[in-house]
Amino acid sequence: MYVGVDVGGTNLAAGLVTPDGQILTRAARPTAPDRPPEAIVADIAALIGELAGARQDIRAVGVGIPGLVDSAAGRVIYTPNLPFADLPLAAMLGQSADRPIFLCNDANAAAFGEYAAGGGQNARALVMVTLGTGIGGGLVFDGKILEGVGGAGGEIGHMVVRRDGRPCSCGRRGCWEAYASATALIRATRAAMDAHPDSLMWPEGHGDPPRVSGRTAFAAAARGDAAAQEVVDGYLDWLAEGVANLVNIFDPDVICVGGGVSGEGDRLILPLRERVAALAYAADGRSPALRAQIRKAQLGNDAGLIGAALRATEDR
């Protein structure tokens, strides 16, 4: 048995996880990220203690952290939304947990969760694409997360798809997430609503642009709205541009798409497959896109928690 912890900017979520990825018990607390790091670490330790208790069958604990993580050293190098900097988190938690503690980046944890217990089961090579505020990613090949030499591997959202393009939060311009994240989709939807006051995107967005979501344009397009369909088509074109790059570089057998936008299911996945097939490099007359299966992620918000726990099984 293993404990998995998903450290987010809003909530700390933990679960007692079986070796096959089933969550038996859950616990959670608000993160309250404005507190000192020691206070947040104390809450993580308390969650672990709540789940593990006096159980003798807890082999290890896995913790997924947003940001740059040195897994080998058990240190959090940097987190964008938490007060963790060069923090020896594994050692701090190990003092109270009395069990091996393993850290990994949260996107890598989610990728490993999908690989081991979700949409990527039985895959030899999996690329995880998470469509949210930005674009997160994780790479799992032959059962191993590709973290890079400094733990920063898998930052797929920051590959440039348009030189000197839109500004990105990372400081560069033209990054993929500036065009294909949920944030980018919402931005395009709002612009189209302003240009088309009669569009069905207005009632789908409750008539109030600040309440527009990633599903607004998809929902209006499903009702036959031409302006919404134009937004969706543009978004899918940019999404396919990056996914085709990943297919061309890694030739994976599975690309798993998660995050809020993936909730569109076949309305997202089916046209994405068609676009990627048209863009992917053809070797010997066979496109890798025809081999790469593009699938919707299956574990939802549990992917990081499950993946962190199962990553601990690999490192034990």
C-alpha atoms as a PDB file:
ATOM      1  CA  MET A   1       0.000   0.000   0.000  1.00  0.00           C
ATOM      2  CA  TYR A   2       1.169   3.559  -0.730  1.00  0.00           C
ATOM      3  CA  VAL A   3       0.222   7.120   0.122  1.00  0.00           C
ATOM      4  CA  GLY A   4       0.034   9.671  -2.676  1.00  0.00           C
ATOM      5  CA  VAL A   5      -0.081  13.426  -2.121  1.00  0.00           C
ATOM      6  CA  ASP A   6      -0.973  16.049  -4.726  1.00  0.00           C
ATOM      7  CA  VAL A   7       0.202  19.492  -3.612  1.00  0.00           C
ATOM      8  CA  GLY A   8      -1.788  22.221  -5.356  1.00  0.00           C
ATOM      9  CA  GLY A   9      -1.986  25.953  -4.974  1.00  0.00           C
ATOM     10  CA  THR A  10      -5.531  25.659  -3.583  1.00  0.00           C
ATOM     11  CA  ASN A  11      -5.741  22.232  -1.947  1.00  0.00           C
ATOM     12  CA  LEU A  12      -3.561  19.499  -0.539  1.00  0.00           C
ATOM     13  CA  ALA A  13      -5.059  16.162  -1.566  1.00  0.00           C
ATOM     14  CA  ALA A  14      -3.893  12.774  -0.344  1.00  0.00           C
ATOM     15  CA  GLY A  15      -4.997   9.199  -0.801  1.00  0.00           C
ATOM     16  CA  LEU A  16      -4.264   5.675   0.318  1.00  0.00           C
ATOM     17  CA  VAL A  17      -3.490   3.925  -2.969  1.00  0.00           C
ATOM     18  CA  THR A  18      -3.221   0.248  -3.841  1.00  0.00           C
ATOM     19  CA  PRO A  19      -0.412  -1.009  -6.122  1.00  0.00           C
ATOM     20  CA  ASP A  20      -2.897  -1.188  -9.017  1.00  0.00           C
ATOM     21  CA  GLY A  21      -3.932   2.465  -8.622  1.00  0.00           C
ATOM     22  CA  GLN A  22      -7.164   2.248  -6.641  1.00  0.00           C
ATOM     23  CA  ILE A  23      -7.788   4.972  -4.044  1.00  0.00           C
ATOM     24  CA  LEU A  24      -9.133   3.433  -0.847  1.00  0.00           C
ATOM     25  CA  THR A  25      -9.272   6.485   1.425  1.00  0.00           C
ATOM     26  CA  ARG A  26      -8.925  10.217   0.851  1.00  0.00           C
ATOM     27  CA  ALA A  27      -8.024  13.264   2.899  1.00  0.00           C
ATOM     28  CA  ALA A  28      -7.626  16.939   1.998  1.00  0.00           C
ATOM     29  CA  ARG A  29      -6.875  20.361   3.448  1.00  0.00           C
ATOM     30  CA  PRO A  30      -6.708  23.882   2.033  1.00  0.00           C
ATOM     31  CA  THR A  31      -3.193  24.813   0.998  1.00  0.00           C
ATOM     32  CA  ALA A  32      -3.345  28.468   2.149  1.00  0.00           C
ATOM     33  CA  PRO A  33      -0.176  29.234   0.151  1.00  0.00           C
ATOM     34  CA  ASP A  34       0.471  32.577   1.854  1.00  0.00           C
ATOM     35  CA  ARG A  35       1.697  30.767   4.962  1.00  0.00           C
ATOM     36  CA  PRO A  36       5.351  29.973   5.740  1.00  0.00           C
ATOM     37  CA  PRO A  37       6.603  26.791   4.048  1.00  0.00           C
ATOM     38  CA  GLU A  38       6.969  25.028   7.403  1.00  0.00           C
ATOM     39  CA  ALA A  39       3.238  25.387   8.057  1.00  0.00           C
ATOM     40  CA  ILE A  40       2.323  23.871   4.683  1.00  0.00           C
ATOM     41  CA  VAL A  41       4.801  21.041   5.187  1.00  0.00           C
ATOM     42  CA  ALA A  42       3.252  20.365   8.598  1.00  0.00           C
ATOM     43  CA  ASP A  43      -0.166  19.993   6.957  1.00  0.00           C
ATOM     44  CA  ILE A  44       1.232  17.609   4.332  1.00  0.00           C
ATOM     45  CA  ALA A  45       2.774  15.542   7.133  1.00  0.00           C
ATOM     46  CA  ALA A  46      -0.535  15.569   9.004  1.00  0.00           C
ATOM     47  CA  LEU A  47      -2.379  14.254   5.933  1.00  0.00           C
ATOM     48  CA  ILE A  48       0.151  11.464   5.541  1.00  0.00           C
ATOM     49  CA  GLY A  49      -0.209  10.591   9.200  1.00  0.00           C
ATOM     50  CA  GLU A  50      -4.005  10.645   8.936  1.00  0.00           C
ATOM     51  CA  LEU A  51      -3.940   8.099   6.120  1.00  0.00           C
ATOM     52  CA  ALA A  52      -1.023   5.967   7.203  1.00  0.00           C
ATOM     53  CA  GLY A  53      -1.626   6.017  10.943  1.00  0.00           C
ATOM     54  CA  ALA A  54      -0.220   2.927  12.593  1.00  0.00           C
ATOM     55  CA  ARG A  55      -0.612   0.785   9.452  1.00  0.00           C
ATOM     56  CA  GLN A  56       2.332  -1.487   8.857  1.00  0.00           C
ATOM     57  CA  ASP A  57       1.591  -2.059   5.166  1.00  0.00           C
ATOM     58  CA  ILE A  58       2.477   1.450   3.945  1.00  0.00           C
ATOM     59  CA  ARG A  59       5.631   0.930   1.915  1.00  0.00           C
ATOM     60  CA  ALA A  60       6.330   4.499   0.788  1.00  0.00           C
ATOM     61  CA  VAL A  61       4.866   7.960   0.183  1.00  0.00           C
ATOM     62  CA  GLY A  62       4.894   9.836  -3.139  1.00  0.00           C
ATOM     63  CA  VAL A  63       4.401  13.603  -3.318  1.00  0.00           C
ATOM     64  CA  GLY A  64       3.643  15.551  -6.509  1.00  0.00           C
ATOM     65  CA  ILE A  65       4.767  19.193  -6.466  1.00  0.00           C
ATOM     66  CA  PRO A  66       4.074  21.965  -9.004  1.00  0.00           C
ATOM     67  CA  GLY A  67       7.368  23.398 -10.155  1.00  0.00           C
ATOM     68  CA  LEU A  68      10.970  22.291 -10.417  1.00  0.00           C
ATOM     69  CA  VAL A  69      11.815  19.224  -8.349  1.00  0.00           C
ATOM     70  CA  ASP A  70      15.106  17.396  -7.844  1.00  0.00           C
ATOM     71  CA  SER A  71      13.670  13.933  -7.330  1.00  0.00           C
ATOM     72  CA  ALA A  72      17.001  12.267  -6.637  1.00  0.00           C
ATOM     73  CA  ALA A  73      17.862  14.727  -3.883  1.00  0.00           C
ATOM     74  CA  GLY A  74      14.311  14.973  -2.534  1.00  0.00           C
ATOM     75  CA  ARG A  75      14.367  18.770  -2.843  1.00  0.00           C
ATOM     76  CA  VAL A  76      11.880  21.279  -4.227  1.00  0.00           C
ATOM     77  CA  ILE A  77      13.962  23.764  -6.195  1.00  0.00           C
ATOM     78  CA  TYR A  78      11.223  26.231  -7.123  1.00  0.00           C
ATOM     79  CA  THR A  79       7.434  26.455  -7.178  1.00  0.00           C
ATOM     80  CA  PRO A  80       5.550  29.280  -8.932  1.00  0.00           C
ATOM     81  CA  ASN A  81       2.583  29.490  -6.541  1.00  0.00           C
ATOM     82  CA  LEU A  82       3.963  28.162  -3.254  1.00  0.00           C
ATOM     83  CA  PRO A  83       6.659  29.526  -0.903  1.00  0.00           C
ATOM     84  CA  PHE A  84       8.977  26.566  -1.568  1.00  0.00           C
ATOM     85  CA  ALA A  85      12.521  27.345  -2.706  1.00  0.00           C
ATOM     86  CA  ASP A  86      15.444  24.941  -2.324  1.00  0.00           C
ATOM     87  CA  LEU A  87      13.403  23.068   0.272  1.00  0.00           C
ATOM     88  CA  PRO A  88      14.500  19.585   1.454  1.00  0.00           C
ATOM     89  CA  LEU A  89      10.896  18.424   1.502  1.00  0.00           C
ATOM     90  CA  ALA A  90      11.546  14.664   1.487  1.00  0.00           C
ATOM     91  CA  ALA A  91      13.792  14.907   4.535  1.00  0.00           C
ATOM     92  CA  MET A  92      11.341  17.214   6.330  1.00  0.00           C
ATOM     93  CA  LEU A  93       8.423  14.846   5.739  1.00  0.00           C
ATOM     94  CA  GLY A  94      10.470  11.747   6.463  1.00  0.00           C
ATOM     95  CA  GLN A  95      11.135  12.925   9.998  1.00  0.00           C
ATOM     96  CA  SER A  96       7.481  12.511  10.866  1.00  0.00           C
ATOM     97  CA  ALA A  97       6.268   9.953   8.329  1.00  0.00           C
ATOM     98  CA  ASP A  98       8.919   7.351   9.219  1.00  0.00           C
ATOM     99  CA  ARG A  99       8.596   5.961   5.690  1.00  0.00           C
ATOM    100  CA  PRO A 100      10.476   6.554   2.425  1.00  0.00           C
ATOM    101  CA  ILE A 101       9.362   9.788   0.760  1.00  0.00           C
ATOM    102  CA  PHE A 102       9.664  10.327  -2.996  1.00  0.00           C
ATOM    103  CA  LEU A 103       9.057  13.637  -4.777  1.00  0.00           C
ATOM    104  CA  CYS A 104       8.226  14.402  -8.382  1.00  0.00           C
ATOM    105  CA  ASN A 105       6.804  17.217 -10.470  1.00  0.00           C
ATOM    106  CA  ASP A 106       2.994  17.181 -10.450  1.00  0.00           C
ATOM    107  CA  ALA A 107       2.652  16.982 -14.239  1.00  0.00           C
ATOM    108  CA  ASN A 108       5.068  14.062 -14.294  1.00  0.00           C
ATOM    109  CA  ALA A 109       3.038  12.437 -11.524  1.00  0.00           C
ATOM    110  CA  ALA A 110      -0.157  12.840 -13.568  1.00  0.00           C
ATOM    111  CA  ALA A 111       1.550  11.351 -16.616  1.00  0.00           C
ATOM    112  CA  PHE A 112       2.754   8.392 -14.599  1.00  0.00           C
ATOM    113  CA  GLY A 113      -0.725   7.920 -13.143  1.00  0.00           C
ATOM    114  CA  GLU A 114      -2.272   7.735 -16.611  1.00  0.00           C
ATOM    115  CA  TYR A 115       0.525   5.428 -17.771  1.00  0.00           C
ATOM    116  CA  ALA A 116       0.123   3.018 -14.873  1.00  0.00           C
ATOM    117  CA  ALA A 117      -3.617   3.106 -14.173  1.00  0.00           C
ATOM    118  CA  GLY A 118      -5.406   5.283 -16.745  1.00  0.00           C
ATOM    119  CA  GLY A 119      -5.506   6.028 -20.456  1.00  0.00           C
ATOM    120  CA  GLY A 120      -1.915   4.981 -21.074  1.00  0.00           C
ATOM    121  CA  GLN A 121      -1.965   1.468 -19.677  1.00  0.00           C
ATOM    122  CA  ASN A 122       0.127  -1.004 -21.680  1.00  0.00           C
ATOM    123  CA  ALA A 123       1.832   1.842 -23.542  1.00  0.00           C
ATOM    124  CA  ARG A 124       5.565   1.621 -24.097  1.00  0.00           C
ATOM    125  CA  ALA A 125       5.880   5.353 -24.737  1.00  0.00           C
ATOM    126  CA  LEU A 126       3.344   7.866 -23.416  1.00  0.00           C
ATOM    127  CA  VAL A 127       3.164  11.634 -23.754  1.00  0.00           C
ATOM    128  CA  MET A 128       0.721  13.402 -21.440  1.00  0.00           C
ATOM    129  CA  VAL A 129      -0.725  16.766 -22.504  1.00  0.00           C
ATOM    130  CA  THR A 130      -2.699  18.684 -19.885  1.00  0.00           C
ATOM    131  CA  LEU A 131      -4.836  21.576 -21.155  1.00  0.00           C
ATOM    132  CA  GLY A 132      -5.485  24.012 -18.330  1.00  0.00           C
ATOM    133  CA  THR A 133      -4.367  27.515 -17.391  1.00  0.00           C
ATOM    134  CA  GLY A 134      -1.208  26.584 -19.263  1.00  0.00           C
ATOM    135  CA  ILE A 135      -0.161  23.371 -20.993  1.00  0.00           C
ATOM    136  CA  GLY A 136       1.478  20.823 -18.752  1.00  0.00           C
ATOM    137  CA  GLY A 137       3.182  17.684 -19.903  1.00  0.00           C
ATOM    138  CA  GLY A 138       4.860  14.486 -18.881  1.00  0.00           C
ATOM    139  CA  LEU A 139       6.834  11.839 -20.731  1.00  0.00           C
ATOM    140  CA  VAL A 140       6.925   8.182 -19.688  1.00  0.00           C
ATOM    141  CA  PHE A 141       9.055   5.765 -21.675  1.00  0.00           C
ATOM    142  CA  ASP A 142       9.544   2.118 -20.768  1.00  0.00           C
ATOM    143  CA  GLY A 143       8.094   2.815 -17.329  1.00  0.00           C
ATOM    144  CA  LYS A 144      10.431   5.717 -16.559  1.00  0.00           C
ATOM    145  CA  ILE A 145       9.585   9.416 -16.337  1.00  0.00           C
ATOM    146  CA  LEU A 146      11.882  11.511 -18.525  1.00  0.00           C
ATOM    147  CA  GLU A 147      12.758  14.311 -16.124  1.00  0.00           C
ATOM    148  CA  GLY A 148      15.930  15.601 -17.773  1.00  0.00           C
ATOM    149  CA  VAL A 149      19.212  16.206 -15.978  1.00  0.00           C
ATOM    150  CA  GLY A 150      17.796  19.013 -13.830  1.00  0.00           C
ATOM    151  CA  GLY A 151      14.237  17.803 -13.308  1.00  0.00           C
ATOM    152  CA  ALA A 152      12.724  20.265 -15.786  1.00  0.00           C
ATOM    153  CA  GLY A 153      11.996  17.835 -18.626  1.00  0.00           C
ATOM    154  CA  GLY A 154       8.517  17.655 -20.105  1.00  0.00           C
ATOM    155  CA  GLU A 155       7.772  21.390 -20.263  1.00  0.00           C
ATOM    156  CA  ILE A 156       6.041  20.867 -23.588  1.00  0.00           C
ATOM    157  CA  GLY A 157       3.847  23.952 -23.259  1.00  0.00           C
ATOM    158  CA  HIS A 158       6.881  26.137 -23.766  1.00  0.00           C
ATOM    159  CA  MET A 159       7.976  24.889 -27.159  1.00  0.00           C
ATOM    160  CA  VAL A 160       7.618  27.777 -29.588  1.00  0.00           C
ATOM    161  CA  VAL A 161       5.079  27.218 -32.355  1.00  0.00           C
ATOM    162  CA  ARG A 162       5.219  30.780 -33.702  1.00  0.00           C
ATOM    163  CA  ARG A 163       8.384  32.828 -33.540  1.00  0.00           C
ATOM    164  CA  ASP A 164       7.823  36.326 -32.100  1.00  0.00           C
ATOM    165  CA  GLY A 165       4.215  35.334 -31.452  1.00  0.00           C
ATOM    166  CA  ARG A 166       2.005  35.980 -28.456  1.00  0.00           C
ATOM    167  CA  PRO A 167       3.718  36.698 -25.131  1.00  0.00           C
ATOM    168  CA  CYS A 168       3.841  33.778 -22.714  1.00  0.00           C
ATOM    169  CA  SER A 169       3.924  33.815 -18.926  1.00  0.00           C
ATOM    170  CA  CYS A 170       7.414  32.273 -19.069  1.00  0.00           C
ATOM    171  CA  GLY A 171       8.804  35.441 -20.683  1.00  0.00           C
ATOM    172  CA  ARG A 172       9.179  34.072 -24.210  1.00  0.00           C
ATOM    173  CA  ARG A 173       6.914  34.668 -27.177  1.00  0.00           C
ATOM    174  CA  GLY A 174       5.001  32.207 -29.323  1.00  0.00           C
ATOM    175  CA  CYS A 175       4.890  29.312 -26.855  1.00  0.00           C
ATOM    176  CA  TRP A 176       2.364  26.553 -27.545  1.00  0.00           C
ATOM    177  CA  GLU A 177       0.425  27.268 -24.359  1.00  0.00           C
ATOM    178  CA  ALA A 178      -0.141  30.862 -25.512  1.00  0.00           C
ATOM    179  CA  TYR A 179      -2.211  29.382 -28.361  1.00  0.00           C
ATOM    180  CA  ALA A 180      -3.624  26.042 -27.178  1.00  0.00           C
ATOM    181  CA  SER A 181      -4.188  26.266 -23.414  1.00  0.00           C
ATOM    182  CA  ALA A 182      -7.640  26.707 -21.910  1.00  0.00           C
ATOM    183  CA  THR A 183      -6.618  30.305 -21.213  1.00  0.00           C
ATOM    184  CA  ALA A 184      -5.929  30.856 -24.913  1.00  0.00           C
ATOM    185  CA  LEU A 185      -9.258  29.254 -25.853  1.00  0.00           C
ATOM    186  CA  ILE A 186     -11.144  31.512 -23.451  1.00  0.00           C
ATOM    187  CA  ARG A 187      -9.312  34.562 -24.818  1.00  0.00           C
ATOM    188  CA  ALA A 188     -10.295  33.640 -28.393  1.00  0.00           C
ATOM    189  CA  THR A 189     -13.875  32.985 -27.314  1.00  0.00           C
ATOM    190  CA  ARG A 190     -14.218  36.397 -25.680  1.00  0.00           C
ATOM    191  CA  ALA A 191     -12.796  38.131 -28.751  1.00  0.00           C
ATOM    192  CA  ALA A 192     -15.259  36.306 -31.006  1.00  0.00           C
ATOM    193  CA  MET A 193     -18.158  37.183 -28.721  1.00  0.00           C
ATOM    194  CA  ASP A 194     -17.245  40.864 -28.942  1.00  0.00           C
ATOM    195  CA  ALA A 195     -17.107  40.607 -32.734  1.00  0.00           C
ATOM    196  CA  HIS A 196     -20.372  38.647 -32.979  1.00  0.00           C
ATOM    197  CA  PRO A 197     -22.982  39.995 -30.538  1.00  0.00           C
ATOM    198  CA  ASP A 198     -25.637  37.629 -31.930  1.00  0.00           C
ATOM    199  CA  SER A 199     -23.549  34.523 -31.415  1.00  0.00           C
ATOM    200  CA  LEU A 200     -24.860  31.641 -29.314  1.00  0.00           C
ATOM    201  CA  MET A 201     -21.650  31.967 -27.346  1.00  0.00           C
ATOM    202  CA  TRP A 202     -23.334  34.758 -25.398  1.00  0.00           C
ATOM    203  CA  PRO A 203     -26.088  32.613 -23.845  1.00  0.00           C
ATOM    204  CA  GLU A 204     -23.620  29.726 -23.449  1.00  0.00           C
ATOM    205  CA  GLY A 205     -21.348  32.129 -21.591  1.00  0.00           C
ATOM    206  CA  HIS A 206     -24.305  33.361 -19.514  1.00  0.00           C
ATOM    207  CA  GLY A 207     -24.119  36.707 -21.305  1.00  0.00           C
ATOM    208  CA  ASP A 208     -21.107  37.739 -19.253  1.00  0.00           C
ATOM    209  CA  PRO A 209     -17.627  37.383 -20.780  1.00  0.00           C
ATOM    210  CA  PRO A 210     -15.828  36.954 -17.412  1.00  0.00           C
ATOM    211  CA  ARG A 211     -17.857  33.749 -16.941  1.00  0.00           C
ATOM    212  CA  VAL A 212     -16.764  32.308 -20.277  1.00  0.00           C
ATOM    213  CA  SER A 213     -15.097  28.904 -19.951  1.00  0.00           C
ATOM    214  CA  GLY A 214     -13.241  26.498 -22.181  1.00  0.00           C
ATOM    215  CA  ARG A 215     -16.525  24.784 -23.055  1.00  0.00           C
ATOM    216  CA  THR A 216     -18.395  27.926 -24.212  1.00  0.00           C
ATOM    217  CA  ALA A 217     -17.285  27.873 -27.863  1.00  0.00           C
ATOM    218  CA  PHE A 218     -17.562  24.073 -28.103  1.00  0.00           C
ATOM    219  CA  ALA A 219     -21.123  24.152 -26.759  1.00  0.00           C
ATOM    220  CA  ALA A 220     -22.220  26.931 -29.117  1.00  0.00           C
ATOM    221  CA  ALA A 221     -20.534  25.233 -32.075  1.00  0.00           C
ATOM    222  CA  ALA A 222     -22.451  22.034 -31.296  1.00  0.00           C
ATOM    223  CA  ARG A 223     -25.627  24.106 -31.688  1.00  0.00           C
ATOM    224  CA  GLY A 224     -24.561  25.228 -35.162  1.00  0.00           C
ATOM    225  CA  ASP A 225     -23.080  28.643 -34.365  1.00  0.00           C
ATOM    226  CA  ALA A 226     -20.643  29.578 -37.156  1.00  0.00           C
ATOM    227  CA  ALA A 227     -18.604  32.065 -35.118  1.00  0.00           C
ATOM    228  CA  ALA A 228     -18.142  29.501 -32.362  1.00  0.00           C
ATOM    229  CA  GLN A 229     -17.114  26.857 -34.884  1.00  0.00           C
ATOM    230  CA  GLU A 230     -14.467  29.231 -36.179  1.00  0.00           C
ATOM    231  CA  VAL A 231     -13.083  29.581 -32.638  1.00  0.00           C
ATOM    232  CA  VAL A 232     -13.075  25.814 -32.150  1.00  0.00           C
ATOM    233  CA  ASP A 233     -11.407  25.177 -35.504  1.00  0.00           C
ATOM    234  CA  GLY A 234      -8.703  27.738 -34.790  1.00  0.00           C
ATOM    235  CA  TYR A 235      -8.069  26.269 -31.371  1.00  0.00           C
ATOM    236  CA  LEU A 236      -7.872  22.719 -32.747  1.00  0.00           C
ATOM    237  CA  ASP A 237      -5.427  23.856 -35.431  1.00  0.00           C
ATOM    238  CA  TRP A 238      -3.031  25.232 -32.813  1.00  0.00           C
ATOM    239  CA  LEU A 239      -3.504  22.225 -30.550  1.00  0.00           C
ATOM    240  CA  ALA A 240      -2.729  19.861 -33.432  1.00  0.00           C
ATOM    241  CA  GLU A 241       0.383  21.854 -34.317  1.00  0.00           C
ATOM    242  CA  GLY A 242       1.945  21.059 -30.967  1.00  0.00           C
ATOM    243  CA  VAL A 243       0.683  17.480 -30.750  1.00  0.00           C
ATOM    244  CA  ALA A 244       2.106  16.763 -34.215  1.00  0.00           C
ATOM    245  CA  ASN A 245       5.466  18.094 -33.023  1.00  0.00           C
ATOM    246  CA  LEU A 246       5.337  15.665 -30.095  1.00  0.00           C
ATOM    247  CA  VAL A 247       4.460  12.794 -32.430  1.00  0.00           C
ATOM    248  CA  ASN A 248       7.325  13.706 -34.752  1.00  0.00           C
ATOM    249  CA  ILE A 249       9.863  14.005 -31.936  1.00  0.00           C
ATOM    250  CA  PHE A 250       8.931  11.061 -29.729  1.00  0.00           C
ATOM    251  CA  ASP A 251       6.867   8.685 -31.933  1.00  0.00           C
ATOM    252  CA  PRO A 252       4.842   7.562 -28.873  1.00  0.00           C
ATOM    253  CA  ASP A 253       2.214   4.871 -29.013  1.00  0.00           C
ATOM    254  CA  VAL A 254      -0.141   6.946 -26.803  1.00  0.00           C
ATOM    255  CA  ILE A 255      -0.745  10.665 -26.405  1.00  0.00           C
ATOM    256  CA  CYS A 256      -3.043  11.192 -23.434  1.00  0.00           C
ATOM    257  CA  VAL A 257      -4.944  14.506 -23.345  1.00  0.00           C
ATOM    258  CA  GLY A 258      -6.164  15.732 -19.974  1.00  0.00           C
ATOM    259  CA  GLY A 259      -7.124  18.963 -18.250  1.00  0.00           C
ATOM    260  CA  GLY A 260     -10.385  20.878 -18.356  1.00  0.00           C
ATOM    261  CA  VAL A 261     -10.650  21.139 -22.140  1.00  0.00           C
ATOM    262  CA  SER A 262     -10.387  17.348 -22.464  1.00  0.00           C
ATOM    263  CA  GLY A 263     -13.891  17.205 -20.975  1.00  0.00           C
ATOM    264  CA  GLU A 264     -15.154  17.865 -24.503  1.00  0.00           C
ATOM    265  CA  GLY A 265     -14.360  14.230 -25.252  1.00  0.00           C
ATOM    266  CA  ASP A 266     -14.886  13.191 -28.873  1.00  0.00           C
ATOM    267  CA  ARG A 267     -15.654  16.771 -29.933  1.00  0.00           C
ATOM    268  CA  LEU A 268     -12.008  17.477 -29.133  1.00  0.00           C
ATOM    269  CA  ILE A 269     -10.277  14.139 -29.697  1.00  0.00           C
ATOM    270  CA  LEU A 270     -11.732  13.088 -33.068  1.00  0.00           C
ATOM    271  CA  PRO A 271     -10.942  16.282 -35.024  1.00  0.00           C
ATOM    272  CA  LEU A 272      -7.590  16.485 -33.238  1.00  0.00           C
ATOM    273  CA  ARG A 273      -6.673  13.026 -34.541  1.00  0.00           C
ATOM    274  CA  GLU A 274      -7.540  14.056 -38.098  1.00  0.00           C
ATOM    275  CA  ARG A 275      -5.440  17.214 -37.911  1.00  0.00           C
ATOM    276  CA  VAL A 276      -2.446  15.466 -36.382  1.00  0.00           C
ATOM    277  CA  ALA A 277      -2.572  12.732 -39.032  1.00  0.00           C
ATOM    278  CA  ALA A 278      -2.326  15.437 -41.689  1.00  0.00           C
ATOM    279  CA  LEU A 279       0.617  17.182 -40.017  1.00  0.00           C
ATOM    280  CA  ALA A 280       2.775  14.358 -38.700  1.00  0.00           C
ATOM    281  CA  TYR A 281       5.952  13.379 -40.489  1.00  0.00           C
ATOM    282  CA  ALA A 282       5.517  10.378 -42.795  1.00  0.00           C
ATOM    283  CA  ALA A 283       8.327   7.852 -42.593  1.00  0.00           C
ATOM    284  CA  ASP A 284       8.409   5.222 -45.362  1.00  0.00           C
ATOM    285  CA  GLY A 285       4.924   6.310 -46.346  1.00  0.00           C
ATOM    286  CA  ARG A 286       3.496   5.604 -42.907  1.00  0.00           C
ATOM    287  CA  SER A 287       2.599   8.518 -40.674  1.00  0.00           C
ATOM    288  CA  PRO A 288       3.514   8.100 -36.981  1.00  0.00           C
ATOM    289  CA  ALA A 289       0.141   9.721 -36.258  1.00  0.00           C
ATOM    290  CA  LEU A 290      -1.527   6.552 -37.494  1.00  0.00           C
ATOM    291  CA  ARG A 291       0.392   4.596 -34.858  1.00  0.00           C
ATOM    292  CA  ALA A 292       0.117   7.125 -32.056  1.00  0.00           C
ATOM    293  CA  GLN A 293      -3.228   6.736 -30.330  1.00  0.00           C
ATOM    294  CA  ILE A 294      -4.583  10.078 -29.133  1.00  0.00           C
ATOM    295  CA  ARG A 295      -6.813   9.406 -26.138  1.00  0.00           C
ATOM    296  CA  LYS A 296      -8.663  11.332 -23.468  1.00  0.00           C
ATOM    297  CA  ALA A 297      -7.103  10.971 -20.028  1.00  0.00           C
ATOM    298  CA  GLN A 298      -9.139   8.789 -17.678  1.00  0.00           C
ATOM    299  CA  LEU A 299      -8.129   9.654 -14.127  1.00  0.00           C
ATOM    300  CA  GLY A 300      -9.211  13.304 -14.002  1.00  0.00           C
ATOM    301  CA  ASN A 301      -8.081  15.185 -10.901  1.00  0.00           C
ATOM    302  CA  ASP A 302      -6.884  11.942  -9.334  1.00  0.00           C
ATOM    303  CA  ALA A 303      -4.093  11.435 -11.873  1.00  0.00           C
ATOM    304  CA  GLY A 304      -1.471  13.351  -9.899  1.00  0.00           C
ATOM    305  CA  LEU A 305      -2.343  11.719  -6.595  1.00  0.00           C
ATOM    306  CA  ILE A 306      -2.344   8.199  -8.050  1.00  0.00           C
ATOM    307  CA  GLY A 307       0.771   8.858 -10.094  1.00  0.00           C
ATOM    308  CA  ALA A 308       2.711  10.190  -7.116  1.00  0.00           C
ATOM    309  CA  ALA A 309       1.841   7.070  -5.126  1.00  0.00           C
ATOM    310  CA  LEU A 310       2.700   4.675  -7.944  1.00  0.00           C
ATOM    311  CA  ARG A 311       5.913   6.549  -8.659  1.00  0.00           C
ATOM    312  CA  ALA A 312       6.909   5.686  -5.110  1.00  0.00           C
ATOM    313  CA  THR A 313       6.444   2.027  -5.978  1.00  0.00           C
ATOM    314  CA  GLU A 314       8.934   2.429  -8.811  1.00  0.00           C
ATOM    315  CA  ASP A 315      11.532   4.200  -6.674  1.00  0.00           C
ATOM    316  CA  ARG A 316      11.312   1.911  -3.687  1.00  0.00           C
END
